PDB file of N, CA and C in Angstrom:
ATOM      1  N   UNK A   1      29.206  -1.075 -45.359  1.00  0.00           N
ATOM      2  CA  UNK A   1      29.058  -1.824 -44.119  1.00  0.00           C
ATOM      3  C   UNK A   1      29.402  -3.296 -44.303  1.00  0.00           C
ATOM      4  N   UNK A   2      29.049  -3.851 -45.459  1.00  0.00           N
ATOM      5  CA  UNK A   2      29.369  -5.265 -45.683  1.00  0.00           C
ATOM      6  C   UNK A   2      30.872  -5.492 -45.724  1.00  0.00           C
ATOM      7  N   UNK A   3      31.630  -4.501 -46.191  1.00  0.00           N
ATOM      8  CA  UNK A   3      33.092  -4.617 -46.199  1.00  0.00           C
ATOM      9  C   UNK A   3      33.662  -4.687 -44.791  1.00  0.00           C
ATOM     10  N   UNK A   4      32.901  -4.191 -43.820  1.00  0.00           N
ATOM     11  CA  UNK A   4      33.332  -4.220 -42.425  1.00  0.00           C
ATOM     12  C   UNK A   4      32.791  -5.435 -41.680  1.00  0.00           C
ATOM     13  N   UNK A   5      32.075  -6.327 -42.391  1.00  0.00           N
ATOM     14  CA  UNK A   5      31.578  -7.553 -41.779  1.00  0.00           C
ATOM     15  C   UNK A   5      30.118  -7.532 -41.378  1.00  0.00           C
ATOM     16  N   UNK A   6      29.412  -6.431 -41.646  1.00  0.00           N
ATOM     17  CA  UNK A   6      27.998  -6.344 -41.289  1.00  0.00           C
ATOM     18  C   UNK A   6      27.144  -7.073 -42.322  1.00  0.00           C
ATOM     19  N   UNK A   7      26.034  -7.604 -41.874  1.00  0.00           N
ATOM     20  CA  UNK A   7      25.041  -8.174 -42.773  1.00  0.00           C
ATOM     21  C   UNK A   7      23.962  -7.127 -42.989  1.00  0.00           C
ATOM     22  N   UNK A   8      23.702  -6.789 -44.216  1.00  0.00           N
ATOM     23  CA  UNK A   8      22.680  -5.807 -44.552  1.00  0.00           C
ATOM     24  C   UNK A   8      21.451  -6.561 -45.034  1.00  0.00           C
ATOM     25  N   UNK A   9      20.315  -6.277 -44.421  1.00  0.00           N
ATOM     26  CA  UNK A   9      19.050  -6.907 -44.792  1.00  0.00           C
ATOM     27  C   UNK A   9      18.175  -5.826 -45.416  1.00  0.00           C
ATOM     28  N   UNK A  10      17.734  -6.048 -46.629  1.00  0.00           N
ATOM     29  CA  UNK A  10      16.882  -5.072 -47.300  1.00  0.00           C
ATOM     30  C   UNK A  10      15.417  -5.450 -47.107  1.00  0.00           C
ATOM     31  N   UNK A  11      14.649  -4.516 -46.590  1.00  0.00           N
ATOM     32  CA  UNK A  11      13.211  -4.687 -46.387  1.00  0.00           C
ATOM     33  C   UNK A  11      12.534  -3.553 -47.159  1.00  0.00           C
ATOM     34  N   UNK A  12      11.644  -3.872 -48.083  1.00  0.00           N
ATOM     35  CA  UNK A  12      10.992  -2.803 -48.844  1.00  0.00           C
ATOM     36  C   UNK A  12      10.053  -1.967 -47.972  1.00  0.00           C
ATOM     37  N   UNK A  13       9.888  -0.717 -48.340  1.00  0.00           N
ATOM     38  CA  UNK A  13       8.976   0.169 -47.629  1.00  0.00           C
ATOM     39  C   UNK A  13       7.543  -0.272 -47.903  1.00  0.00           C
ATOM     40  N   UNK A  14       6.736  -0.318 -46.856  1.00  0.00           N
ATOM     41  CA  UNK A  14       5.354  -0.782 -47.001  1.00  0.00           C
ATOM     42  C   UNK A  14       4.459   0.285 -47.615  1.00  0.00           C
ATOM     43  N   UNK A  15       4.799   1.552 -47.400  1.00  0.00           N
ATOM     44  CA  UNK A  15       3.966   2.627 -47.935  1.00  0.00           C
ATOM     45  C   UNK A  15       4.776   3.609 -48.772  1.00  0.00           C
ATOM     46  N   UNK A  16       5.936   3.173 -49.210  1.00  0.00           N
ATOM     47  CA  UNK A  16       6.807   4.043 -49.980  1.00  0.00           C
ATOM     48  C   UNK A  16       7.753   4.863 -49.135  1.00  0.00           C
ATOM     49  N   UNK A  17       7.488   4.941 -47.831  1.00  0.00           N
ATOM     50  CA  UNK A  17       8.327   5.766 -46.965  1.00  0.00           C
ATOM     51  C   UNK A  17       8.780   5.053 -45.703  1.00  0.00           C
ATOM     52  N   UNK A  18       7.971   4.123 -45.189  1.00  0.00           N
ATOM     53  CA  UNK A  18       8.276   3.458 -43.923  1.00  0.00           C
ATOM     54  C   UNK A  18       8.319   1.955 -44.140  1.00  0.00           C
ATOM     55  N   UNK A  19       9.273   1.306 -43.474  1.00  0.00           N
ATOM     56  CA  UNK A  19       9.334  -0.147 -43.577  1.00  0.00           C
ATOM     57  C   UNK A  19       8.313  -0.780 -42.646  1.00  0.00           C
ATOM     58  N   UNK A  20       7.895  -1.985 -42.979  1.00  0.00           N
ATOM     59  CA  UNK A  20       6.962  -2.749 -42.143  1.00  0.00           C
ATOM     60  C   UNK A  20       7.779  -3.401 -41.033  1.00  0.00           C
ATOM     61  N   UNK A  21       7.595  -2.923 -39.802  1.00  0.00           N
ATOM     62  CA  UNK A  21       8.388  -3.424 -38.680  1.00  0.00           C
ATOM     63  C   UNK A  21       8.115  -4.896 -38.403  1.00  0.00           C
ATOM     64  N   UNK A  22       6.900  -5.366 -38.688  1.00  0.00           N
ATOM     65  CA  UNK A  22       6.594  -6.785 -38.545  1.00  0.00           C
ATOM     66  C   UNK A  22       7.434  -7.625 -39.494  1.00  0.00           C
ATOM     67  N   UNK A  23       7.642  -7.139 -40.712  1.00  0.00           N
ATOM     68  CA  UNK A  23       8.491  -7.840 -41.681  1.00  0.00           C
ATOM     69  C   UNK A  23       9.938  -7.889 -41.210  1.00  0.00           C
ATOM     70  N   UNK A  24      10.383  -6.800 -40.613  1.00  0.00           N
ATOM     71  CA  UNK A  24      11.744  -6.763 -40.065  1.00  0.00           C
ATOM     72  C   UNK A  24      11.881  -7.808 -38.958  1.00  0.00           C
ATOM     73  N   UNK A  25      10.919  -7.827 -38.038  1.00  0.00           N
ATOM     74  CA  UNK A  25      10.961  -8.783 -36.929  1.00  0.00           C
ATOM     75  C   UNK A  25      10.919 -10.215 -37.438  1.00  0.00           C
ATOM     76  N   UNK A  26      10.093 -10.483 -38.440  1.00  0.00           N
ATOM     77  CA  UNK A  26      10.009 -11.836 -39.012  1.00  0.00           C
ATOM     78  C   UNK A  26      11.333 -12.244 -39.648  1.00  0.00           C
ATOM     79  N   UNK A  27      11.930 -11.333 -40.389  1.00  0.00           N
ATOM     80  CA  UNK A  27      13.209 -11.629 -41.048  1.00  0.00           C
ATOM     81  C   UNK A  27      14.295 -11.908 -40.014  1.00  0.00           C
ATOM     82  N   UNK A  28      14.345 -11.102 -38.961  1.00  0.00           N
ATOM     83  CA  UNK A  28      15.338 -11.329 -37.913  1.00  0.00           C
ATOM     84  C   UNK A  28      15.080 -12.654 -37.196  1.00  0.00           C
ATOM     85  N   UNK A  29      13.807 -12.956 -36.932  1.00  0.00           N
ATOM     86  CA  UNK A  29      13.459 -14.230 -36.298  1.00  0.00           C
ATOM     87  C   UNK A  29      13.849 -15.416 -37.169  1.00  0.00           C
ATOM     88  N   UNK A  30      13.642 -15.291 -38.482  1.00  0.00           N
ATOM     89  CA  UNK A  30      14.048 -16.356 -39.409  1.00  0.00           C
ATOM     90  C   UNK A  30      15.548 -16.591 -39.378  1.00  0.00           C
ATOM     91  N   UNK A  31      16.288 -15.561 -39.002  1.00  0.00           N
ATOM     92  CA  UNK A  31      17.750 -15.670 -38.911  1.00  0.00           C
ATOM     93  C   UNK A  31      18.208 -16.069 -37.509  1.00  0.00           C
ATOM     94  N   UNK A  32      17.251 -16.393 -36.625  1.00  0.00           N
ATOM     95  CA  UNK A  32      17.580 -16.875 -35.290  1.00  0.00           C
ATOM     96  C   UNK A  32      17.766 -15.789 -34.251  1.00  0.00           C
ATOM     97  N   UNK A  33      17.475 -14.546 -34.588  1.00  0.00           N
ATOM     98  CA  UNK A  33      17.622 -13.460 -33.620  1.00  0.00           C
ATOM     99  C   UNK A  33      16.329 -13.313 -32.833  1.00  0.00           C
ATOM    100  N   UNK A  34      16.416 -13.476 -31.534  1.00  0.00           N
ATOM    101  CA  UNK A  34      15.230 -13.380 -30.686  1.00  0.00           C
ATOM    102  C   UNK A  34      15.294 -12.186 -29.737  1.00  0.00           C
ATOM    103  N   UNK A  35      16.413 -11.499 -29.705  1.00  0.00           N
ATOM    104  CA  UNK A  35      16.566 -10.323 -28.867  1.00  0.00           C
ATOM    105  C   UNK A  35      17.320  -9.278 -29.674  1.00  0.00           C
ATOM    106  N   UNK A  36      16.742  -8.086 -29.784  1.00  0.00           N
ATOM    107  CA  UNK A  36      17.327  -7.038 -30.613  1.00  0.00           C
ATOM    108  C   UNK A  36      17.355  -5.733 -29.829  1.00  0.00           C
ATOM    109  N   UNK A  37      18.491  -5.073 -29.817  1.00  0.00           N
ATOM    110  CA  UNK A  37      18.614  -3.744 -29.233  1.00  0.00           C
ATOM    111  C   UNK A  37      18.281  -2.737 -30.325  1.00  0.00           C
ATOM    112  N   UNK A  38      17.300  -1.895 -30.069  1.00  0.00           N
ATOM    113  CA  UNK A  38      16.886  -0.883 -31.035  1.00  0.00           C
ATOM    114  C   UNK A  38      17.140   0.485 -30.434  1.00  0.00           C
ATOM    115  N   UNK A  39      17.895   1.295 -31.139  1.00  0.00           N
ATOM    116  CA  UNK A  39      18.126   2.670 -30.712  1.00  0.00           C
ATOM    117  C   UNK A  39      17.592   3.576 -31.796  1.00  0.00           C
ATOM    118  N   UNK A  40      16.869   4.575 -31.407  1.00  0.00           N
ATOM    119  CA  UNK A  40      16.309   5.510 -32.370  1.00  0.00           C
ATOM    120  C   UNK A  40      15.577   6.598 -31.620  1.00  0.00           C
ATOM    121  N   UNK A  41      14.736   7.287 -32.322  1.00  0.00           N
ATOM    122  CA  UNK A  41      14.000   8.369 -31.708  1.00  0.00           C
ATOM    123  C   UNK A  41      12.632   7.956 -31.211  1.00  0.00           C
ATOM    124  N   UNK A  42      11.875   8.952 -30.781  1.00  0.00           N
ATOM    125  CA  UNK A  42      10.555   8.720 -30.233  1.00  0.00           C
ATOM    126  C   UNK A  42       9.582   8.120 -31.233  1.00  0.00           C
ATOM    127  N   UNK A  43       9.714   8.469 -32.511  1.00  0.00           N
ATOM    128  CA  UNK A  43       8.809   7.926 -33.533  1.00  0.00           C
ATOM    129  C   UNK A  43       9.024   6.428 -33.693  1.00  0.00           C
ATOM    130  N   UNK A  44      10.275   5.989 -33.727  1.00  0.00           N
ATOM    131  CA  UNK A  44      10.558   4.553 -33.839  1.00  0.00           C
ATOM    132  C   UNK A  44      10.075   3.815 -32.597  1.00  0.00           C
ATOM    133  N   UNK A  45      10.308   4.378 -31.427  1.00  0.00           N
ATOM    134  CA  UNK A  45       9.848   3.742 -30.186  1.00  0.00           C
ATOM    135  C   UNK A  45       8.337   3.565 -30.196  1.00  0.00           C
ATOM    136  N   UNK A  46       7.600   4.594 -30.592  1.00  0.00           N
ATOM    137  CA  UNK A  46       6.145   4.512 -30.641  1.00  0.00           C
ATOM    138  C   UNK A  46       5.689   3.491 -31.680  1.00  0.00           C
ATOM    139  N   UNK A  47       6.340   3.451 -32.830  1.00  0.00           N
ATOM    140  CA  UNK A  47       5.976   2.496 -33.886  1.00  0.00           C
ATOM    141  C   UNK A  47       6.185   1.061 -33.431  1.00  0.00           C
ATOM    142  N   UNK A  48       7.272   0.803 -32.729  1.00  0.00           N
ATOM    143  CA  UNK A  48       7.537  -0.549 -32.229  1.00  0.00           C
ATOM    144  C   UNK A  48       6.503  -0.951 -31.178  1.00  0.00           C
ATOM    145  N   UNK A  49       6.131  -0.034 -30.302  1.00  0.00           N
ATOM    146  CA  UNK A  49       5.106  -0.321 -29.293  1.00  0.00           C
ATOM    147  C   UNK A  49       3.761  -0.600 -29.962  1.00  0.00           C
ATOM    148  N   UNK A  50       3.357   0.267 -30.905  1.00  0.00           N
ATOM    149  CA  UNK A  50       2.074   0.081 -31.593  1.00  0.00           C
ATOM    150  C   UNK A  50       2.037  -1.230 -32.364  1.00  0.00           C
ATOM    151  N   UNK A  51       3.170  -1.674 -32.891  1.00  0.00           N
ATOM    152  CA  UNK A  51       3.233  -2.924 -33.657  1.00  0.00           C
ATOM    153  C   UNK A  51       3.281  -4.150 -32.751  1.00  0.00           C
ATOM    154  N   UNK A  52       3.331  -3.941 -31.427  1.00  0.00           N
ATOM    155  CA  UNK A  52       3.380  -5.061 -30.493  1.00  0.00           C
ATOM    156  C   UNK A  52       4.718  -5.787 -30.494  1.00  0.00           C
ATOM    157  N   UNK A  53       5.786  -5.080 -30.832  1.00  0.00           N
ATOM    158  CA  UNK A  53       7.104  -5.707 -30.959  1.00  0.00           C
ATOM    159  C   UNK A  53       8.026  -5.458 -29.773  1.00  0.00           C
ATOM    160  N   UNK A  54       7.495  -4.868 -28.695  1.00  0.00           N
ATOM    161  CA  UNK A  54       8.322  -4.590 -27.511  1.00  0.00           C
ATOM    162  C   UNK A  54       7.826  -5.456 -26.360  1.00  0.00           C
ATOM    163  N   UNK A  55       8.707  -6.299 -25.854  1.00  0.00           N
ATOM    164  CA  UNK A  55       8.335  -7.080 -24.674  1.00  0.00           C
ATOM    165  C   UNK A  55       9.262  -6.804 -23.503  1.00  0.00           C
ATOM    166  N   UNK A  56      10.308  -6.002 -23.736  1.00  0.00           N
ATOM    167  CA  UNK A  56      11.233  -5.650 -22.657  1.00  0.00           C
ATOM    168  C   UNK A  56      11.845  -4.294 -22.949  1.00  0.00           C
ATOM    169  N   UNK A  57      12.003  -3.483 -21.934  1.00  0.00           N
ATOM    170  CA  UNK A  57      12.613  -2.164 -22.061  1.00  0.00           C
ATOM    171  C   UNK A  57      13.852  -2.067 -21.189  1.00  0.00           C
ATOM    172  N   UNK A  58      14.868  -1.428 -21.698  1.00  0.00           N
ATOM    173  CA  UNK A  58      16.005  -0.987 -20.893  1.00  0.00           C
ATOM    174  C   UNK A  58      15.905   0.528 -20.888  1.00  0.00           C
ATOM    175  N   UNK A  59      15.457   1.088 -19.785  1.00  0.00           N
ATOM    176  CA  UNK A  59      15.154   2.512 -19.688  1.00  0.00           C
ATOM    177  C   UNK A  59      16.265   3.214 -18.924  1.00  0.00           C
ATOM    178  N   UNK A  60      17.064   3.995 -19.635  1.00  0.00           N
ATOM    179  CA  UNK A  60      18.137   4.745 -19.009  1.00  0.00           C
ATOM    180  C   UNK A  60      17.560   6.051 -18.485  1.00  0.00           C
ATOM    181  N   UNK A  61      17.903   6.397 -17.257  1.00  0.00           N
ATOM    182  CA  UNK A  61      17.320   7.584 -16.644  1.00  0.00           C
ATOM    183  C   UNK A  61      18.413   8.453 -16.022  1.00  0.00           C
ATOM    184  N   UNK A  62      18.099   9.721 -15.957  1.00  0.00           N
ATOM    185  CA  UNK A  62      18.983  10.699 -15.316  1.00  0.00           C
ATOM    186  C   UNK A  62      18.095  11.704 -14.591  1.00  0.00           C
ATOM    187  N   UNK A  63      18.562  12.249 -13.484  1.00  0.00           N
ATOM    188  CA  UNK A  63      17.750  13.192 -12.717  1.00  0.00           C
ATOM    189  C   UNK A  63      17.754  14.580 -13.368  1.00  0.00           C
ATOM    190  N   UNK A  64      17.028  14.699 -14.489  1.00  0.00           N
ATOM    191  CA  UNK A  64      16.964  15.970 -15.200  1.00  0.00           C
ATOM    192  C   UNK A  64      15.590  16.116 -15.845  1.00  0.00           C
ATOM    193  N   UNK A  65      15.073  17.318 -15.874  1.00  0.00           N
ATOM    194  CA  UNK A  65      13.817  17.607 -16.559  1.00  0.00           C
ATOM    195  C   UNK A  65      14.120  18.428 -17.796  1.00  0.00           C
ATOM    196  N   UNK A  66      13.505  18.060 -18.911  1.00  0.00           N
ATOM    197  CA  UNK A  66      13.768  18.756 -20.163  1.00  0.00           C
ATOM    198  C   UNK A  66      12.595  19.615 -20.611  1.00  0.00           C
ATOM    199  N   UNK A  67      11.386  19.285 -20.196  1.00  0.00           N
ATOM    200  CA  UNK A  67      10.225  20.084 -20.574  1.00  0.00           C
ATOM    201  C   UNK A  67       9.582  19.631 -21.868  1.00  0.00           C
ATOM    202  N   UNK A  68       8.431  20.207 -22.150  1.00  0.00           N
ATOM    203  CA  UNK A  68       7.622  19.799 -23.288  1.00  0.00           C
ATOM    204  C   UNK A  68       8.215  20.115 -24.642  1.00  0.00           C
ATOM    205  N   UNK A  69       9.191  21.007 -24.711  1.00  0.00           N
ATOM    206  CA  UNK A  69       9.787  21.338 -26.004  1.00  0.00           C
ATOM    207  C   UNK A  69      11.006  20.469 -26.327  1.00  0.00           C
ATOM    208  N   UNK A  70      11.322  19.511 -25.459  1.00  0.00           N
ATOM    209  CA  UNK A  70      12.437  18.590 -25.705  1.00  0.00           C
ATOM    210  C   UNK A  70      11.975  17.460 -26.632  1.00  0.00           C
ATOM    211  N   UNK A  71      12.894  16.696 -27.174  1.00  0.00           N
ATOM    212  CA  UNK A  71      12.553  15.551 -28.003  1.00  0.00           C
ATOM    213  C   UNK A  71      12.043  14.442 -27.106  1.00  0.00           C
ATOM    214  N   UNK A  72      10.863  13.891 -27.396  1.00  0.00           N
ATOM    215  CA  UNK A  72      10.300  12.856 -26.526  1.00  0.00           C
ATOM    216  C   UNK A  72      10.987  11.511 -26.715  1.00  0.00           C
ATOM    217  N   UNK A  73      11.067  10.740 -25.649  1.00  0.00           N
ATOM    218  CA  UNK A  73      11.599   9.379 -25.736  1.00  0.00           C
ATOM    219  C   UNK A  73      10.652   8.494 -26.533  1.00  0.00           C
ATOM    220  N   UNK A  74       9.349   8.764 -26.413  1.00  0.00           N
ATOM    221  CA  UNK A  74       8.319   8.026 -27.153  1.00  0.00           C
ATOM    222  C   UNK A  74       7.328   9.049 -27.691  1.00  0.00           C
ATOM    223  N   UNK A  75       7.108   9.046 -29.009  1.00  0.00           N
ATOM    224  CA  UNK A  75       6.124   9.947 -29.612  1.00  0.00           C
ATOM    225  C   UNK A  75       4.716   9.518 -29.227  1.00  0.00           C
ATOM    226  N   UNK A  76       3.735  10.262 -29.690  1.00  0.00           N
ATOM    227  CA  UNK A  76       2.340   9.982 -29.387  1.00  0.00           C
ATOM    228  C   UNK A  76       1.932   8.564 -29.726  1.00  0.00           C
ATOM    229  N   UNK A  77       1.169   7.955 -28.839  1.00  0.00           N
ATOM    230  CA  UNK A  77       0.734   6.566 -29.029  1.00  0.00           C
ATOM    231  C   UNK A  77      -0.762   6.465 -29.317  1.00  0.00           C
ATOM    232  N   UNK A  78      -1.447   7.595 -29.453  1.00  0.00           N
ATOM    233  CA  UNK A  78      -2.881   7.600 -29.759  1.00  0.00           C
ATOM    234  C   UNK A  78      -3.688   6.778 -28.762  1.00  0.00           C
ATOM    235  N   UNK A  79      -3.356   6.890 -27.491  1.00  0.00           N
ATOM    236  CA  UNK A  79      -4.079   6.173 -26.442  1.00  0.00           C
ATOM    237  C   UNK A  79      -5.271   7.022 -26.024  1.00  0.00           C
ATOM    238  N   UNK A  80      -6.465   6.457 -26.159  1.00  0.00           N
ATOM    239  CA  UNK A  80      -7.683   7.190 -25.820  1.00  0.00           C
ATOM    240  C   UNK A  80      -8.184   6.880 -24.417  1.00  0.00           C
ATOM    241  N   UNK A  81      -7.892   5.667 -23.912  1.00  0.00           N
ATOM    242  CA  UNK A  81      -8.340   5.266 -22.576  1.00  0.00           C
ATOM    243  C   UNK A  81      -7.138   4.784 -21.775  1.00  0.00           C
ATOM    244  N   UNK A  82      -7.164   5.023 -20.484  1.00  0.00           N
ATOM    245  CA  UNK A  82      -6.082   4.578 -19.613  1.00  0.00           C
ATOM    246  C   UNK A  82      -5.881   3.070 -19.712  1.00  0.00           C
ATOM    247  N   UNK A  83      -6.946   2.323 -19.939  1.00  0.00           N
ATOM    248  CA  UNK A  83      -6.838   0.864 -20.042  1.00  0.00           C
ATOM    249  C   UNK A  83      -6.058   0.418 -21.282  1.00  0.00           C
ATOM    250  N   UNK A  84      -5.829   1.325 -22.239  1.00  0.00           N
ATOM    251  CA  UNK A  84      -5.073   0.999 -23.454  1.00  0.00           C
ATOM    252  C   UNK A  84      -3.579   1.268 -23.321  1.00  0.00           C
ATOM    253  N   UNK A  85      -3.153   1.657 -22.135  1.00  0.00           N
ATOM    254  CA  UNK A  85      -1.742   2.013 -21.922  1.00  0.00           C
ATOM    255  C   UNK A  85      -0.829   0.803 -22.153  1.00  0.00           C
ATOM    256  N   UNK A  86       0.432   1.090 -22.420  1.00  0.00           N
ATOM    257  CA  UNK A  86       1.456   0.052 -22.523  1.00  0.00           C
ATOM    258  C   UNK A  86       2.044  -0.108 -21.125  1.00  0.00           C
ATOM    259  N   UNK A  87       1.855  -1.263 -20.523  1.00  0.00           N
ATOM    260  CA  UNK A  87       2.235  -1.461 -19.126  1.00  0.00           C
ATOM    261  C   UNK A  87       3.391  -2.447 -19.021  1.00  0.00           C
ATOM    262  N   UNK A  88       4.390  -2.075 -18.230  1.00  0.00           N
ATOM    263  CA  UNK A  88       5.579  -2.894 -18.005  1.00  0.00           C
ATOM    264  C   UNK A  88       5.802  -3.076 -16.514  1.00  0.00           C
ATOM    265  N   UNK A  89       6.432  -4.173 -16.145  1.00  0.00           N
ATOM    266  CA  UNK A  89       6.778  -4.445 -14.752  1.00  0.00           C
ATOM    267  C   UNK A  89       8.296  -4.426 -14.602  1.00  0.00           C
ATOM    268  N   UNK A  90       8.794  -3.797 -13.549  1.00  0.00           N
ATOM    269  CA  UNK A  90      10.251  -3.778 -13.344  1.00  0.00           C
ATOM    270  C   UNK A  90      10.767  -5.165 -12.967  1.00  0.00           C
ATOM    271  N   UNK A  91      11.916  -5.533 -13.557  1.00  0.00           N
ATOM    272  CA  UNK A  91      12.561  -6.790 -13.169  1.00  0.00           C
ATOM    273  C   UNK A  91      13.934  -6.549 -12.558  1.00  0.00           C
ATOM    274  N   UNK A  92      14.536  -5.381 -12.843  1.00  0.00           N
ATOM    275  CA  UNK A  92      15.781  -5.026 -12.164  1.00  0.00           C
ATOM    276  C   UNK A  92      16.038  -3.536 -12.330  1.00  0.00           C
ATOM    277  N   UNK A  93      16.860  -3.009 -11.452  1.00  0.00           N
ATOM    278  CA  UNK A  93      17.206  -1.600 -11.480  1.00  0.00           C
ATOM    279  C   UNK A  93      18.655  -1.459 -11.033  1.00  0.00           C
ATOM    280  N   UNK A  94      19.405  -0.659 -11.761  1.00  0.00           N
ATOM    281  CA  UNK A  94      20.825  -0.453 -11.456  1.00  0.00           C
ATOM    282  C   UNK A  94      21.073   1.043 -11.356  1.00  0.00           C
ATOM    283  N   UNK A  95      21.739   1.477 -10.313  1.00  0.00           N
ATOM    284  CA  UNK A  95      22.122   2.878 -10.182  1.00  0.00           C
ATOM    285  C   UNK A  95      23.599   3.015 -10.475  1.00  0.00           C
ATOM    286  N   UNK A  96      23.927   4.089 -11.187  1.00  0.00           N
ATOM    287  CA  UNK A  96      25.318   4.408 -11.495  1.00  0.00           C
ATOM    288  C   UNK A  96      25.511   5.884 -11.152  1.00  0.00           C
ATOM    289  N   UNK A  97      25.845   6.140  -9.918  1.00  0.00           N
ATOM    290  CA  UNK A  97      25.895   7.522  -9.473  1.00  0.00           C
ATOM    291  C   UNK A  97      24.480   8.059  -9.412  1.00  0.00           C
ATOM    292  N   UNK A  98      24.225   9.211 -10.018  1.00  0.00           N
ATOM    293  CA  UNK A  98      22.880   9.772 -10.017  1.00  0.00           C
ATOM    294  C   UNK A  98      22.029   9.214 -11.157  1.00  0.00           C
ATOM    295  N   UNK A  99      22.663   8.603 -12.162  1.00  0.00           N
ATOM    296  CA  UNK A  99      21.944   8.010 -13.288  1.00  0.00           C
ATOM    297  C   UNK A  99      21.585   6.572 -12.975  1.00  0.00           C
ATOM    298  N   UNK A 100      20.793   5.970 -13.845  1.00  0.00           N
ATOM    299  CA  UNK A 100      20.431   4.585 -13.605  1.00  0.00           C
ATOM    300  C   UNK A 100      19.885   3.918 -14.846  1.00  0.00           C
ATOM    301  N   UNK A 101      19.606   2.645 -14.688  1.00  0.00           N
ATOM    302  CA  UNK A 101      19.051   1.812 -15.750  1.00  0.00           C
ATOM    303  C   UNK A 101      17.984   0.934 -15.132  1.00  0.00           C
ATOM    304  N   UNK A 102      16.798   0.961 -15.705  1.00  0.00           N
ATOM    305  CA  UNK A 102      15.721   0.097 -15.267  1.00  0.00           C
ATOM    306  C   UNK A 102      15.401  -0.890 -16.381  1.00  0.00           C
ATOM    307  N   UNK A 103      15.301  -2.150 -16.050  1.00  0.00           N
ATOM    308  CA  UNK A 103      14.902  -3.189 -16.995  1.00  0.00           C
ATOM    309  C   UNK A 103      13.455  -3.541 -16.672  1.00  0.00           C
ATOM    310  N   UNK A 104      12.596  -3.442 -17.675  1.00  0.00           N
ATOM    311  CA  UNK A 104      11.168  -3.667 -17.492  1.00  0.00           C
ATOM    312  C   UNK A 104      10.686  -4.706 -18.502  1.00  0.00           C
ATOM    313  N   UNK A 105       9.713  -5.505 -18.122  1.00  0.00           N
ATOM    314  CA  UNK A 105       9.153  -6.503 -19.017  1.00  0.00           C
ATOM    315  C   UNK A 105       7.667  -6.193 -19.212  1.00  0.00           C
ATOM    316  N   UNK A 106       7.171  -6.431 -20.415  1.00  0.00           N
ATOM    317  CA  UNK A 106       5.783  -6.113 -20.772  1.00  0.00           C
ATOM    318  C   UNK A 106       4.827  -7.014 -20.003  1.00  0.00           C
ATOM    319  N   UNK A 107       3.807  -6.427 -19.419  1.00  0.00           N
ATOM    320  CA  UNK A 107       2.761  -7.194 -18.729  1.00  0.00           C
ATOM    321  C   UNK A 107       1.825  -7.802 -19.745  1.00  0.00           C
ATOM    322  N   UNK A 108       1.286  -8.986 -19.395  1.00  0.00           N
ATOM    323  CA  UNK A 108       0.281  -9.620 -20.236  1.00  0.00           C
ATOM    324  C   UNK A 108       0.913 -10.391 -21.303  1.00  0.00           C
TER     325      UNK A 108
END
């Protein structure tokens, strides 16, 4: 990747298997990055939310139901009370045919 012009940042695993997302955010912030697009699976999305590292969402939607056996957009968040939910407010919405994109910002 470096031969193609990418900068590779090495962050050690905090538990031997997973990197500390706070360390990643700090390293990126030290490099002047204040907005990062993260693409991944439901486990990464849940980890970023639990770490308090999400303040804005770009939620792509399509009019389709996949059911409980599909891959979740966000894995389990261990929320025990409704008051512990992750709450966002819409700031814009764009439709592209039947699909769309919603931009949401974290409340509080």
